[in-house]
Amino acid sequence: MRKTLLSLIVLQTLIATVFAEENKPASTEVEDLAPPSNTPVSYFWSKEVSSAEKSVISTKKSTINASNINGYLMTPHTNPVNVMSHVNTTPIFWGASWYNPRYYSDKIFGLMHFYQNFYGSTYASAINEYLPAELSHQSSSPIIDTSIASANPSNVLAKICSVVNSTINSKSDYYPVYTDIKRGTANYCAYHSAGICNGVPVQFAFFFDLNDDFGCDPSSPYAPAIRTMKSQTSGAVAGIPSMHQQSQGLAALANVTAHELFEAVTDPGYFPSNGSPPYWGGWFDSFYDEVADKCSWTFGPSNTGLSPGTVLIGGYYWKLQGVWSNEAQTTGTGGYPTQNGNLVGCVTGS
């Protein structure tokens, strides 16, 4: 998962500095893009990763056996491990298009419904093995800002600091920022990051506009196929007496929303109180994969007997990718294969 750590100083101006990750490459692999159907490639990489490093790690990943299987398990990187057992999510919808009902259609309602009902779902419980207590999650009212959006992590953090301001007061706060920016040539659909606002650590995520984006579409059976409907239909979740309907853009955002939320919870940015550089101190494996990276774009069996990847949250069906479970991998039960088929630790809580 693409990640950056930021430090934001609020004086007369906003000054943002990007810090490299301790014990991790400055830019790690990106697994947000769906693999093309005609290739067995399992991982996508950020352009900053050197071809030599990519070759070495790819080789290691292709030689899985009993002697190195522990390298593929999640391990904690602080003692006690740095995680977020309680999360308060405040979604921010940033960009001029959020002013237009034809653009946002069901997205705001659908994502808020997703967050409000995430806690207590079997899907959310899939990461409890990494937490000291069962995950507790609540969501606050969304913030809509119709100024011009940016994908730059420093600018995203600055926007969060400006629109939330004095209400940032807890290390449990998480701010997913949904924009109207098209992905273009970027090789990721979303990222999570961390920074400082008013002296308080902030965990946040960024999301592109995924309407009609083939590379970031989960092909949900509960949404129309890409470009089969020119504009979203208002109320594709609300007001329609069916658990099987949502817009394509909402379905795509929900899938990567789950990915980023899982990783923000299990591997948030850590800011030492002694002023040392920040780093990622949660759970990841020896190849720097986080809990959602290893199962990106894998869709496991559903206990409802419906389409693979089907997860029930808040009375609606969603197609959501899996998350890694050490327990499923080590016991050999309860999980399903990763993309390359060599590991069996992916779960959806089904």
Protein backbone atom coordinates (compact mmCIF):
# COMPACT_ATOMS: atom_id res chain seq x y z
CA MET A 1 0.00 0.00 0.00
CA ARG A 2 1.29 3.43 -0.90
CA LYS A 3 1.90 5.37 2.31
CA THR A 4 3.62 8.56 3.42
CA LEU A 5 4.19 10.18 6.79
CA LEU A 6 3.80 13.91 7.06
CA SER A 7 4.55 16.52 9.66
CA LEU A 8 2.45 19.68 9.41
CA ILE A 9 3.44 22.86 11.27
CA VAL A 10 0.76 25.53 11.52
CA LEU A 11 2.30 29.00 11.81
CA GLN A 12 1.52 31.86 9.47
CA THR A 13 1.73 29.34 6.68
CA LEU A 14 1.43 25.55 6.41
CA ILE A 15 4.73 23.78 6.00
CA ALA A 16 4.66 20.04 5.20
CA THR A 17 7.62 17.68 5.15
CA VAL A 18 7.53 14.08 3.97
CA PHE A 19 9.43 11.58 6.15
CA ALA A 20 10.72 8.24 4.92
CA GLU A 21 9.41 5.18 6.68
CA GLU A 22 11.69 3.62 9.27
CA ASN A 23 12.60 0.02 8.46
CA LYS A 24 10.64 0.24 5.23
CA PRO A 25 11.49 1.49 1.73
CA ALA A 26 10.58 5.13 1.19
CA SER A 27 8.09 3.95 -1.44
CA THR A 28 6.61 0.51 -1.08
CA GLU A 29 4.62 -1.55 -3.50
CA VAL A 30 1.18 -0.51 -4.62
CA GLU A 31 -1.48 -3.18 -4.82
CA ASP A 32 -4.54 -1.02 -5.35
CA LEU A 33 -4.92 -1.66 -9.04
CA ALA A 34 -6.82 -4.72 -10.15
CA PRO A 35 -4.47 -7.08 -12.03
CA PRO A 36 -5.20 -7.31 -15.76
CA SER A 37 -7.21 -10.43 -16.53
CA ASN A 38 -4.64 -11.70 -19.03
CA THR A 39 -1.63 -11.74 -16.71
CA PRO A 40 -0.76 -13.70 -13.54
CA VAL A 41 1.06 -10.73 -11.99
CA SER A 42 0.12 -10.45 -8.32
CA TYR A 43 1.63 -7.15 -7.32
CA PHE A 44 1.76 -3.61 -8.64
CA TRP A 45 4.60 -1.28 -7.68
CA SER A 46 4.97 2.43 -7.26
CA LYS A 47 7.14 3.99 -9.92
CA GLU A 48 9.70 5.05 -7.31
CA VAL A 49 10.70 1.46 -6.49
CA SER A 50 13.92 0.57 -8.29
CA SER A 51 13.76 -2.24 -10.83
CA ALA A 52 16.54 -4.06 -8.94
CA GLU A 53 14.64 -3.97 -5.64
CA LYS A 54 11.44 -5.02 -7.40
CA SER A 55 13.22 -8.00 -8.96
CA VAL A 56 14.72 -9.17 -5.66
CA ILE A 57 11.47 -8.98 -3.70
CA SER A 58 9.47 -10.54 -6.55
CA THR A 59 11.89 -13.46 -6.58
CA LYS A 60 11.53 -13.92 -2.83
CA LYS A 61 7.75 -13.89 -3.13
CA SER A 62 7.79 -16.58 -5.79
CA THR A 63 9.77 -19.04 -3.64
CA ILE A 64 7.40 -19.79 -0.79
CA ASN A 65 8.22 -22.89 1.23
CA ALA A 66 8.16 -24.15 4.79
CA SER A 67 11.51 -22.57 5.64
CA ASN A 68 10.47 -19.00 4.85
CA ILE A 69 6.73 -19.01 5.46
CA ASN A 70 7.14 -16.92 8.63
CA GLY A 71 8.31 -14.03 6.47
CA TYR A 72 4.81 -13.86 5.03
CA LEU A 73 3.09 -13.54 8.40
CA MET A 74 2.15 -10.19 9.87
CA THR A 75 4.45 -9.13 12.73
CA PRO A 76 4.17 -6.14 15.12
CA HIS A 77 6.79 -3.41 14.80
CA THR A 78 6.44 -1.70 18.18
CA ASN A 79 6.06 -3.10 21.68
CA PRO A 80 3.27 -2.73 22.56
CA VAL A 81 2.06 -2.79 18.99
CA ASN A 82 0.75 0.50 17.60
CA VAL A 83 -2.84 -0.03 16.42
CA MET A 84 -6.22 1.72 16.63
CA SER A 85 -8.67 -0.48 18.56
CA HIS A 86 -11.14 2.41 18.55
CA VAL A 87 -11.64 4.51 15.44
CA ASN A 88 -13.72 7.63 14.88
CA THR A 89 -14.14 8.21 11.14
CA THR A 90 -15.00 11.60 9.66
CA PRO A 91 -15.29 11.38 5.85
CA ILE A 92 -14.36 14.48 3.86
CA PHE A 93 -15.71 14.95 0.34
CA TRP A 94 -13.39 17.38 -1.42
CA GLY A 95 -13.80 18.90 -4.87
CA ALA A 96 -16.15 21.12 -6.86
CA SER A 97 -18.10 18.14 -8.18
CA TRP A 98 -19.52 17.32 -4.75
CA TYR A 99 -21.77 20.32 -5.26
CA ASN A 100 -23.50 18.54 -8.15
CA PRO A 101 -26.14 15.94 -7.13
CA ARG A 102 -25.76 14.14 -10.46
CA TYR A 103 -22.10 13.54 -9.58
CA TYR A 104 -22.34 12.45 -6.00
CA SER A 105 -25.64 10.60 -6.45
CA ASP A 106 -25.51 7.78 -3.91
CA LYS A 107 -21.82 8.09 -2.99
CA ILE A 108 -22.12 10.23 0.12
CA PHE A 109 -25.11 8.35 1.47
CA GLY A 110 -23.66 4.98 0.52
CA LEU A 111 -20.23 5.57 2.08
CA MET A 112 -21.74 7.03 5.25
CA HIS A 113 -24.04 4.02 5.48
CA PHE A 114 -21.00 1.78 5.04
CA TYR A 115 -19.04 3.49 7.83
CA GLN A 116 -22.01 3.72 10.19
CA ASN A 117 -22.63 -0.02 9.93
CA PHE A 118 -19.07 -1.28 9.62
CA TYR A 119 -18.68 -1.88 13.35
CA GLY A 120 -20.29 -5.13 14.35
CA SER A 121 -20.09 -6.71 10.90
CA THR A 122 -18.36 -10.05 10.50
CA TYR A 123 -16.13 -8.36 7.93
CA ALA A 124 -14.81 -5.88 10.51
CA SER A 125 -14.09 -8.72 12.92
CA ALA A 126 -11.58 -10.18 10.45
CA ILE A 127 -8.79 -7.99 11.89
CA ASN A 128 -9.51 -8.53 15.59
CA GLU A 129 -6.59 -10.95 15.84
CA TYR A 130 -4.26 -7.95 15.43
CA LEU A 131 -5.90 -5.80 18.10
CA PRO A 132 -5.67 -5.92 21.91
CA ALA A 133 -9.47 -5.55 22.04
CA GLU A 134 -12.32 -6.00 19.58
CA LEU A 135 -12.44 -3.21 17.03
CA SER A 136 -14.76 -0.38 18.00
CA HIS A 137 -15.74 2.04 15.25
CA GLN A 138 -18.01 5.04 14.99
CA SER A 139 -18.52 7.68 12.31
CA SER A 140 -19.17 11.40 12.46
CA SER A 141 -21.10 13.59 10.05
CA PRO A 142 -19.36 14.11 6.70
CA ILE A 143 -17.63 17.33 5.69
CA ILE A 144 -18.16 18.62 2.16
CA ASP A 145 -15.62 21.09 0.76
CA THR A 146 -16.16 22.21 -2.85
CA SER A 147 -12.80 23.87 -3.37
CA ILE A 148 -10.37 22.42 -5.95
CA ALA A 149 -8.97 19.11 -4.69
CA SER A 150 -5.40 17.80 -4.78
CA ALA A 151 -3.90 14.30 -4.62
CA ASN A 152 -0.67 15.47 -2.96
CA PRO A 153 -0.48 14.07 0.60
CA SER A 154 0.77 17.38 2.01
CA ASN A 155 -2.15 19.25 0.45
CA VAL A 156 -4.62 16.59 1.63
CA LEU A 157 -3.32 16.93 5.19
CA ALA A 158 -3.46 20.71 4.99
CA LYS A 159 -7.09 20.51 3.85
CA ILE A 160 -7.96 18.21 6.76
CA CYS A 161 -6.31 20.58 9.22
CA SER A 162 -8.18 23.56 7.77
CA VAL A 163 -11.68 22.07 7.61
CA VAL A 164 -11.57 20.10 10.86
CA ASN A 165 -9.37 22.53 12.80
CA SER A 166 -9.93 22.53 16.56
CA THR A 167 -12.11 19.41 16.62
CA ILE A 168 -9.05 17.20 16.05
CA ASN A 169 -8.33 16.02 19.55
CA SER A 170 -7.92 12.27 19.50
CA LYS A 171 -5.34 9.80 18.20
CA SER A 172 -8.32 7.64 17.23
CA ASP A 173 -9.49 10.08 14.54
CA TYR A 174 -9.39 8.88 10.95
CA TYR A 175 -10.17 11.12 7.95
CA PRO A 176 -10.84 9.45 4.58
CA VAL A 177 -10.79 12.13 1.86
CA TYR A 178 -12.85 11.43 -1.27
CA THR A 179 -12.08 13.63 -4.26
CA ASP A 180 -13.36 14.23 -7.78
CA ILE A 181 -9.86 13.79 -9.26
CA LYS A 182 -9.49 11.18 -11.98
CA ARG A 183 -6.66 8.68 -11.48
CA GLY A 184 -5.06 9.29 -14.87
CA THR A 185 -1.64 7.61 -15.00
CA ALA A 186 -1.35 7.09 -11.23
CA ASN A 187 -0.79 3.40 -10.41
CA TYR A 188 -2.92 3.36 -7.28
CA CYS A 189 -6.60 3.87 -6.48
CA ALA A 190 -6.12 5.20 -2.95
CA TYR A 191 -3.54 5.54 -0.21
CA HIS A 192 -3.40 5.99 3.54
CA SER A 193 -1.06 8.34 5.34
CA ALA A 194 -0.52 10.19 8.61
CA GLY A 195 0.52 13.61 9.83
CA ILE A 196 0.20 16.19 12.60
CA CYS A 197 -2.63 18.72 12.98
CA ASN A 198 -2.52 21.15 15.88
CA GLY A 199 -0.06 18.90 17.66
CA VAL A 200 -2.29 15.82 17.34
CA PRO A 201 -1.41 12.81 15.14
CA VAL A 202 -3.90 12.33 12.32
CA GLN A 203 -4.51 9.19 10.28
CA PHE A 204 -6.05 9.82 6.88
CA ALA A 205 -6.63 8.34 3.45
CA PHE A 206 -7.06 9.66 -0.08
CA PHE A 207 -9.36 8.37 -2.82
CA PHE A 208 -9.55 9.17 -6.52
CA ASP A 209 -12.83 9.44 -8.43
CA LEU A 210 -13.30 5.83 -9.58
CA ASN A 211 -16.24 6.33 -11.91
CA ASP A 212 -15.59 4.38 -15.13
CA ASP A 213 -12.10 3.41 -13.95
CA PHE A 214 -11.43 -0.12 -15.21
CA GLY A 215 -8.21 -0.49 -13.19
CA CYS A 216 -9.94 0.14 -9.87
CA ASP A 217 -13.29 -1.53 -10.47
CA PRO A 218 -14.18 -4.72 -8.51
CA SER A 219 -16.86 -5.67 -11.08
CA SER A 220 -19.50 -5.86 -8.41
CA PRO A 221 -22.62 -7.81 -9.38
CA TYR A 222 -24.56 -5.32 -7.26
CA ALA A 223 -23.66 -2.38 -9.51
CA PRO A 224 -23.94 -1.75 -13.26
CA ALA A 225 -20.95 -2.54 -15.43
CA ILE A 226 -18.69 0.37 -16.35
CA ARG A 227 -20.19 2.69 -18.93
CA THR A 228 -23.50 0.90 -19.08
CA MET A 229 -25.09 3.87 -17.32
CA LYS A 230 -23.86 7.34 -18.27
CA SER A 231 -24.91 9.00 -15.03
CA GLN A 232 -25.57 7.57 -11.62
CA THR A 233 -29.14 7.16 -10.52
CA SER A 234 -30.05 9.07 -7.41
CA GLY A 235 -30.94 6.70 -4.61
CA ALA A 236 -29.08 3.66 -5.94
CA VAL A 237 -28.74 2.56 -2.32
CA ALA A 238 -31.34 4.66 -0.55
CA GLY A 239 -34.96 4.21 -1.52
CA ILE A 240 -34.62 1.20 -3.81
CA PRO A 241 -36.19 -1.99 -2.41
CA SER A 242 -33.21 -4.15 -3.32
CA MET A 243 -30.01 -5.17 -1.56
CA HIS A 244 -28.40 -5.64 -4.94
CA GLN A 245 -28.20 -2.13 -6.37
CA GLN A 246 -25.58 0.58 -6.06
CA SER A 247 -23.74 2.73 -8.56
CA GLN A 248 -20.49 1.53 -10.11
CA GLY A 249 -18.60 4.46 -8.57
CA LEU A 250 -19.87 3.68 -5.09
CA ALA A 251 -19.08 -0.03 -5.43
CA ALA A 252 -15.49 0.78 -6.46
CA LEU A 253 -15.00 3.25 -3.61
CA ALA A 254 -16.44 0.86 -1.03
CA ASN A 255 -13.94 -1.82 -2.01
CA VAL A 256 -10.85 0.38 -1.57
CA THR A 257 -12.45 2.11 1.43
CA ALA A 258 -12.38 -1.19 3.29
CA HIS A 259 -8.76 -1.75 2.26
CA GLU A 260 -7.56 1.62 3.58
CA LEU A 261 -9.59 1.43 6.78
CA PHE A 262 -8.16 -2.00 7.65
CA GLU A 263 -4.62 -0.75 7.11
CA ALA A 264 -5.07 2.54 8.95
CA VAL A 265 -6.34 0.54 11.94
CA THR A 266 -3.62 -2.12 11.98
CA ASP A 267 -0.67 0.01 10.85
CA PRO A 268 -1.22 3.69 11.66
CA GLY A 269 1.59 6.22 11.52
CA TYR A 270 3.39 6.48 14.85
CA PHE A 271 4.74 9.78 16.16
CA PRO A 272 7.11 9.27 19.14
CA SER A 273 6.54 11.63 22.06
CA ASN A 274 10.29 12.31 22.29
CA GLY A 275 10.28 14.04 18.92
CA SER A 276 12.01 11.25 17.01
CA PRO A 277 11.03 10.84 13.34
CA PRO A 278 7.63 9.20 12.77
CA TYR A 279 7.39 5.66 11.45
CA TRP A 280 4.95 2.83 10.80
CA GLY A 281 4.75 0.77 13.98
CA GLY A 282 1.84 -1.58 13.42
CA TRP A 283 1.52 -4.89 11.62
CA PHE A 284 3.23 -5.76 8.32
CA ASP A 285 5.29 -8.64 6.99
CA SER A 286 8.95 -8.91 6.01
CA PHE A 287 8.08 -7.74 2.49
CA TYR A 288 6.35 -4.60 3.87
CA ASP A 289 2.87 -5.82 2.95
CA GLU A 290 0.11 -4.71 5.32
CA VAL A 291 -2.95 -6.77 6.20
CA ALA A 292 -4.96 -5.72 3.14
CA ASP A 293 -2.08 -5.74 0.66
CA LYS A 294 -1.62 -9.49 0.67
CA CYS A 295 -5.25 -10.07 -0.30
CA SER A 296 -5.78 -7.13 -2.65
CA TRP A 297 -8.21 -7.95 -5.44
CA THR A 298 -9.00 -11.37 -4.05
CA PHE A 299 -12.66 -12.13 -3.45
CA GLY A 300 -13.40 -15.05 -1.20
CA PRO A 301 -16.41 -17.31 -0.88
CA SER A 302 -19.53 -15.91 0.72
CA ASN A 303 -21.41 -17.71 3.47
CA THR A 304 -24.61 -16.38 1.89
CA GLY A 305 -24.12 -18.54 -1.20
CA LEU A 306 -23.96 -15.41 -3.33
CA SER A 307 -21.25 -14.06 -5.62
CA PRO A 308 -17.60 -14.32 -4.42
CA GLY A 309 -16.61 -11.36 -2.28
CA THR A 310 -20.16 -10.69 -1.11
CA VAL A 311 -20.21 -9.09 2.33
CA LEU A 312 -23.30 -7.94 4.20
CA ILE A 313 -22.90 -4.53 5.88
CA GLY A 314 -25.78 -2.40 7.03
CA GLY A 315 -28.44 -4.45 5.25
CA TYR A 316 -26.76 -4.14 1.85
CA TYR A 317 -24.51 -6.45 -0.11
CA TRP A 318 -21.07 -5.21 -1.14
CA LYS A 319 -18.28 -6.87 -3.10
CA LEU A 320 -15.18 -6.41 -0.93
CA GLN A 321 -11.68 -7.80 -1.21
CA GLY A 322 -10.18 -9.93 1.52
CA VAL A 323 -7.80 -9.19 4.38
CA TRP A 324 -4.88 -11.29 5.60
CA SER A 325 -5.19 -13.57 8.64
CA ASN A 326 -2.12 -15.12 10.27
CA GLU A 327 -4.43 -17.57 11.99
CA ALA A 328 -6.02 -18.78 8.75
CA GLN A 329 -2.60 -19.23 7.15
CA THR A 330 -0.97 -21.08 10.04
CA THR A 331 -3.94 -23.36 10.75
CA GLY A 332 -4.78 -23.92 7.10
CA THR A 333 -8.48 -23.44 7.81
CA GLY A 334 -10.97 -20.64 7.28
CA GLY A 335 -9.03 -18.84 4.57
CA TYR A 336 -8.79 -18.77 0.79
CA PRO A 337 -5.81 -18.34 -1.59
CA THR A 338 -3.92 -15.17 -2.40
CA GLN A 339 -3.62 -14.15 -6.05
CA ASN A 340 -0.63 -16.39 -6.71
CA GLY A 341 -2.32 -19.28 -4.92
CA ASN A 342 0.68 -20.11 -2.73
CA LEU A 343 -0.82 -18.79 0.51
CA VAL A 344 -4.23 -19.40 2.05
CA GLY A 345 -4.53 -16.62 4.63
CA CYS A 346 -7.16 -14.39 3.00
CA VAL A 347 -10.48 -13.97 4.84
CA THR A 348 -13.59 -11.80 4.66
CA GLY A 349 -15.15 -12.73 7.97
CA SER A 350 -17.61 -15.03 6.19
